[in-house]
Structures are given as C-alpha cells and as structure tokens.
Amino acid sequence: MNFVSDIPVNITVELGQIKLKIKDLLNINKDSILALDKYSGEPLNILVNQCVIATGELVIIEEKYGIRITSIIDNSEYLDNVN
C-alpha cells in the first residue's frame, strides 16, 4: 500500500447545488446571490475524485473555513458509487 500513499487526489466539499436556466445564468453579476439547496447546519458532502466518501460540518479555524468530518461512508457504499 505504500506505493499508493503518495498519489494525489482532489478533495471537494460540496456546500450545495442550484439549477439555473441559461438566461438566468447570463444575468448573474457581482452582487448576485445564489440560493443553494442546503440549509444552514445540514451535513456537507466530502468528495474524493467526485465520489462522496464522507459528510461533515462547516467550521471556522483562525478565520479560514474548514470541515469537521462527522461520518465516513461505508466502503461498500463507496464502491457502489464508483461503479
């Protein structure tokens, strides 16, 4: 397993999603606000290479955003997401 430990992966934290029509997308400007589909306090998805591997909650650490992992997806669920 040591040979895979140095392989880089992309980790993404998904705050939420929104679907827009192209005409609405074209009207977005600097002060626009996009309402996401998640509420404050809901778990956030943590993705590795676009597959959900865990959930967590938003935290602020020394004026930077972070995420506290609250649950890790079972390996069998992860493998189902990959296939």
N, C-alpha and C. Protein backbone atom coordinates (compact mmCIF):
# COMPACT_ATOMS: atom_id res chain seq x y z
N MET A 1 0.81 -1.20 0.00
CA MET A 1 0.00 0.00 0.00
C MET A 1 0.85 1.27 0.00
N ASN A 2 2.11 1.19 0.34
CA ASN A 2 2.94 2.39 0.38
C ASN A 2 3.05 3.07 -0.98
N PHE A 3 3.00 2.30 -2.07
CA PHE A 3 3.16 2.90 -3.38
C PHE A 3 1.98 3.79 -3.76
N VAL A 4 0.81 3.60 -3.15
CA VAL A 4 -0.33 4.46 -3.48
C VAL A 4 -0.47 5.64 -2.53
N SER A 5 0.26 5.64 -1.44
CA SER A 5 0.08 6.69 -0.44
C SER A 5 0.53 8.07 -0.93
N ASP A 6 1.34 8.15 -1.95
CA ASP A 6 1.81 9.44 -2.47
C ASP A 6 1.05 9.90 -3.70
N ILE A 7 0.01 9.18 -4.10
CA ILE A 7 -0.77 9.59 -5.26
C ILE A 7 -1.71 10.72 -4.85
N PRO A 8 -1.66 11.86 -5.54
CA PRO A 8 -2.54 12.98 -5.18
C PRO A 8 -3.98 12.71 -5.62
N VAL A 9 -4.93 13.18 -4.82
CA VAL A 9 -6.35 13.10 -5.15
C VAL A 9 -6.97 14.47 -4.92
N ASN A 10 -8.06 14.76 -5.62
CA ASN A 10 -8.78 16.01 -5.44
C ASN A 10 -9.87 15.81 -4.40
N ILE A 11 -9.88 16.67 -3.39
CA ILE A 11 -10.92 16.63 -2.37
C ILE A 11 -11.77 17.88 -2.53
N THR A 12 -13.09 17.67 -2.59
CA THR A 12 -14.04 18.76 -2.77
C THR A 12 -15.05 18.70 -1.65
N VAL A 13 -15.43 19.85 -1.12
CA VAL A 13 -16.51 19.94 -0.14
C VAL A 13 -17.68 20.60 -0.85
N GLU A 14 -18.79 19.90 -0.90
CA GLU A 14 -19.96 20.38 -1.62
C GLU A 14 -20.91 21.10 -0.67
N LEU A 15 -21.00 22.42 -0.83
CA LEU A 15 -21.89 23.22 0.01
C LEU A 15 -23.34 23.09 -0.41
N GLY A 16 -23.58 22.82 -1.65
CA GLY A 16 -24.94 22.69 -2.17
C GLY A 16 -24.93 22.85 -3.67
N GLN A 17 -26.11 22.75 -4.24
CA GLN A 17 -26.24 22.87 -5.68
C GLN A 17 -27.41 23.77 -6.03
N ILE A 18 -27.42 24.21 -7.26
CA ILE A 18 -28.53 25.01 -7.78
C ILE A 18 -28.63 24.73 -9.28
N LYS A 19 -29.84 24.69 -9.78
CA LYS A 19 -30.06 24.57 -11.22
C LYS A 19 -30.61 25.89 -11.72
N LEU A 20 -29.99 26.40 -12.78
CA LEU A 20 -30.41 27.66 -13.38
C LEU A 20 -30.65 27.46 -14.87
N LYS A 21 -31.54 28.25 -15.40
CA LYS A 21 -31.69 28.32 -16.85
C LYS A 21 -30.57 29.21 -17.37
N ILE A 22 -30.18 29.00 -18.59
CA ILE A 22 -29.08 29.78 -19.17
C ILE A 22 -29.39 31.26 -19.12
N LYS A 23 -30.64 31.66 -19.37
CA LYS A 23 -30.98 33.09 -19.34
C LYS A 23 -30.74 33.67 -17.95
N ASP A 24 -31.00 32.87 -16.87
CA ASP A 24 -30.74 33.34 -15.51
C ASP A 24 -29.24 33.39 -15.22
N LEU A 25 -28.51 32.41 -15.74
CA LEU A 25 -27.06 32.39 -15.57
C LEU A 25 -26.41 33.61 -16.21
N LEU A 26 -26.92 34.01 -17.35
CA LEU A 26 -26.37 35.17 -18.05
C LEU A 26 -26.65 36.49 -17.32
N ASN A 27 -27.63 36.49 -16.42
CA ASN A 27 -27.97 37.70 -15.67
C ASN A 27 -27.23 37.82 -14.34
N ILE A 28 -26.38 36.87 -14.01
CA ILE A 28 -25.61 36.93 -12.75
C ILE A 28 -24.58 38.05 -12.85
N ASN A 29 -24.50 38.84 -11.78
CA ASN A 29 -23.48 39.89 -11.74
C ASN A 29 -22.77 39.84 -10.39
N LYS A 30 -21.92 40.80 -10.14
CA LYS A 30 -21.07 40.82 -8.95
C LYS A 30 -21.85 40.70 -7.64
N ASP A 31 -23.01 41.31 -7.52
CA ASP A 31 -23.76 41.31 -6.26
C ASP A 31 -24.87 40.26 -6.22
N SER A 32 -24.91 39.37 -7.20
CA SER A 32 -25.94 38.34 -7.22
C SER A 32 -25.75 37.35 -6.05
N ILE A 33 -26.86 36.84 -5.56
CA ILE A 33 -26.85 35.81 -4.53
C ILE A 33 -27.54 34.58 -5.08
N LEU A 34 -26.89 33.44 -4.98
CA LEU A 34 -27.46 32.19 -5.45
C LEU A 34 -27.87 31.36 -4.23
N ALA A 35 -29.15 31.03 -4.13
CA ALA A 35 -29.65 30.22 -3.02
C ALA A 35 -29.40 28.75 -3.33
N LEU A 36 -28.64 28.10 -2.47
CA LEU A 36 -28.32 26.68 -2.66
C LEU A 36 -29.43 25.81 -2.09
N ASP A 37 -29.35 24.51 -2.37
CA ASP A 37 -30.40 23.58 -1.95
C ASP A 37 -30.22 23.04 -0.54
N LYS A 38 -29.20 23.48 0.19
CA LYS A 38 -28.98 23.01 1.56
C LYS A 38 -29.23 24.14 2.54
N TYR A 39 -29.66 23.74 3.73
CA TYR A 39 -29.92 24.70 4.80
C TYR A 39 -28.71 24.77 5.72
N SER A 40 -28.59 25.88 6.43
CA SER A 40 -27.53 26.05 7.41
C SER A 40 -27.61 24.92 8.44
N GLY A 41 -26.48 24.30 8.72
CA GLY A 41 -26.43 23.22 9.70
C GLY A 41 -26.59 21.84 9.10
N GLU A 42 -26.98 21.74 7.83
CA GLU A 42 -27.08 20.43 7.18
C GLU A 42 -25.68 19.88 6.92
N PRO A 43 -25.52 18.55 6.92
CA PRO A 43 -24.21 17.97 6.61
C PRO A 43 -23.76 18.32 5.20
N LEU A 44 -22.46 18.53 5.03
CA LEU A 44 -21.87 18.82 3.74
C LEU A 44 -21.21 17.55 3.20
N ASN A 45 -21.28 17.35 1.90
CA ASN A 45 -20.65 16.18 1.30
C ASN A 45 -19.16 16.44 1.07
N ILE A 46 -18.35 15.42 1.36
CA ILE A 46 -16.91 15.46 1.09
C ILE A 46 -16.66 14.45 -0.02
N LEU A 47 -16.10 14.93 -1.12
CA LEU A 47 -15.89 14.08 -2.28
C LEU A 47 -14.40 13.92 -2.56
N VAL A 48 -14.01 12.72 -2.97
CA VAL A 48 -12.66 12.46 -3.45
C VAL A 48 -12.81 12.00 -4.89
N ASN A 49 -12.17 12.75 -5.78
CA ASN A 49 -12.30 12.48 -7.21
C ASN A 49 -13.76 12.31 -7.62
N GLN A 50 -14.61 13.20 -7.15
CA GLN A 50 -16.03 13.30 -7.49
C GLN A 50 -16.90 12.19 -6.91
N CYS A 51 -16.41 11.41 -5.95
CA CYS A 51 -17.21 10.38 -5.27
C CYS A 51 -17.34 10.76 -3.79
N VAL A 52 -18.58 10.75 -3.28
CA VAL A 52 -18.81 11.08 -1.87
C VAL A 52 -18.19 10.00 -0.99
N ILE A 53 -17.31 10.42 -0.08
CA ILE A 53 -16.66 9.46 0.82
C ILE A 53 -16.98 9.76 2.29
N ALA A 54 -17.54 10.95 2.57
CA ALA A 54 -17.83 11.31 3.95
C ALA A 54 -18.77 12.51 3.98
N THR A 55 -19.27 12.83 5.18
CA THR A 55 -20.02 14.06 5.38
C THR A 55 -19.40 14.80 6.55
N GLY A 56 -19.68 16.09 6.63
CA GLY A 56 -19.09 16.88 7.70
C GLY A 56 -19.86 18.17 7.91
N GLU A 57 -19.33 18.96 8.84
CA GLU A 57 -19.96 20.24 9.14
C GLU A 57 -18.93 21.35 9.02
N LEU A 58 -19.39 22.51 8.60
CA LEU A 58 -18.53 23.67 8.38
C LEU A 58 -18.03 24.21 9.72
N VAL A 59 -16.74 24.51 9.80
CA VAL A 59 -16.14 25.14 10.98
C VAL A 59 -15.25 26.28 10.50
N ILE A 60 -14.97 27.20 11.41
CA ILE A 60 -14.05 28.30 11.11
C ILE A 60 -12.84 28.14 12.02
N ILE A 61 -11.66 28.10 11.40
CA ILE A 61 -10.41 27.90 12.12
C ILE A 61 -9.49 29.06 11.76
N GLU A 62 -9.22 29.92 12.74
CA GLU A 62 -8.34 31.07 12.52
C GLU A 62 -8.73 31.84 11.26
N GLU A 63 -9.99 32.20 11.14
CA GLU A 63 -10.54 32.99 10.05
C GLU A 63 -10.54 32.28 8.70
N LYS A 64 -10.34 30.96 8.69
CA LYS A 64 -10.42 30.17 7.47
C LYS A 64 -11.52 29.13 7.65
N TYR A 65 -12.13 28.75 6.53
CA TYR A 65 -13.14 27.70 6.58
C TYR A 65 -12.48 26.33 6.64
N GLY A 66 -13.12 25.43 7.35
CA GLY A 66 -12.69 24.05 7.42
C GLY A 66 -13.91 23.16 7.50
N ILE A 67 -13.69 21.86 7.55
CA ILE A 67 -14.80 20.94 7.69
C ILE A 67 -14.45 19.87 8.72
N ARG A 68 -15.37 19.66 9.64
CA ARG A 68 -15.22 18.61 10.65
C ARG A 68 -15.95 17.38 10.11
N ILE A 69 -15.24 16.28 9.96
CA ILE A 69 -15.84 15.05 9.43
C ILE A 69 -16.74 14.45 10.50
N THR A 70 -18.00 14.23 10.12
CA THR A 70 -18.97 13.67 11.07
C THR A 70 -19.31 12.22 10.77
N SER A 71 -19.14 11.79 9.52
CA SER A 71 -19.34 10.37 9.20
C SER A 71 -18.57 10.03 7.94
N ILE A 72 -18.16 8.78 7.87
CA ILE A 72 -17.43 8.27 6.71
C ILE A 72 -18.30 7.20 6.06
N ILE A 73 -18.42 7.27 4.74
CA ILE A 73 -19.24 6.32 4.00
C ILE A 73 -18.62 4.93 4.09
N ASP A 74 -19.45 3.93 4.31
CA ASP A 74 -19.02 2.53 4.33
C ASP A 74 -18.34 2.19 3.01
N ASN A 75 -17.26 1.41 3.05
CA ASN A 75 -16.53 1.05 1.84
C ASN A 75 -17.42 0.46 0.75
N SER A 76 -18.40 -0.36 1.12
CA SER A 76 -19.28 -0.96 0.12
C SER A 76 -20.12 0.11 -0.56
N GLU A 77 -20.58 1.13 0.19
CA GLU A 77 -21.33 2.23 -0.41
C GLU A 77 -20.44 3.02 -1.35
N TYR A 78 -19.18 3.22 -0.95
CA TYR A 78 -18.23 3.96 -1.80
C TYR A 78 -18.01 3.21 -3.10
N LEU A 79 -17.81 1.90 -3.03
CA LEU A 79 -17.58 1.11 -4.23
C LEU A 79 -18.80 1.12 -5.15
N ASP A 80 -20.00 1.17 -4.56
CA ASP A 80 -21.21 1.27 -5.38
C ASP A 80 -21.25 2.60 -6.12
N ASN A 81 -20.77 3.68 -5.48
CA ASN A 81 -20.75 5.00 -6.11
C ASN A 81 -19.74 5.05 -7.25
N VAL A 82 -18.64 4.31 -7.11
CA VAL A 82 -17.59 4.32 -8.14
C VAL A 82 -18.08 3.60 -9.39
N ASN A 83 -18.83 2.52 -9.20
CA ASN A 83 -19.29 1.71 -10.36
C ASN A 83 -20.46 2.30 -11.01
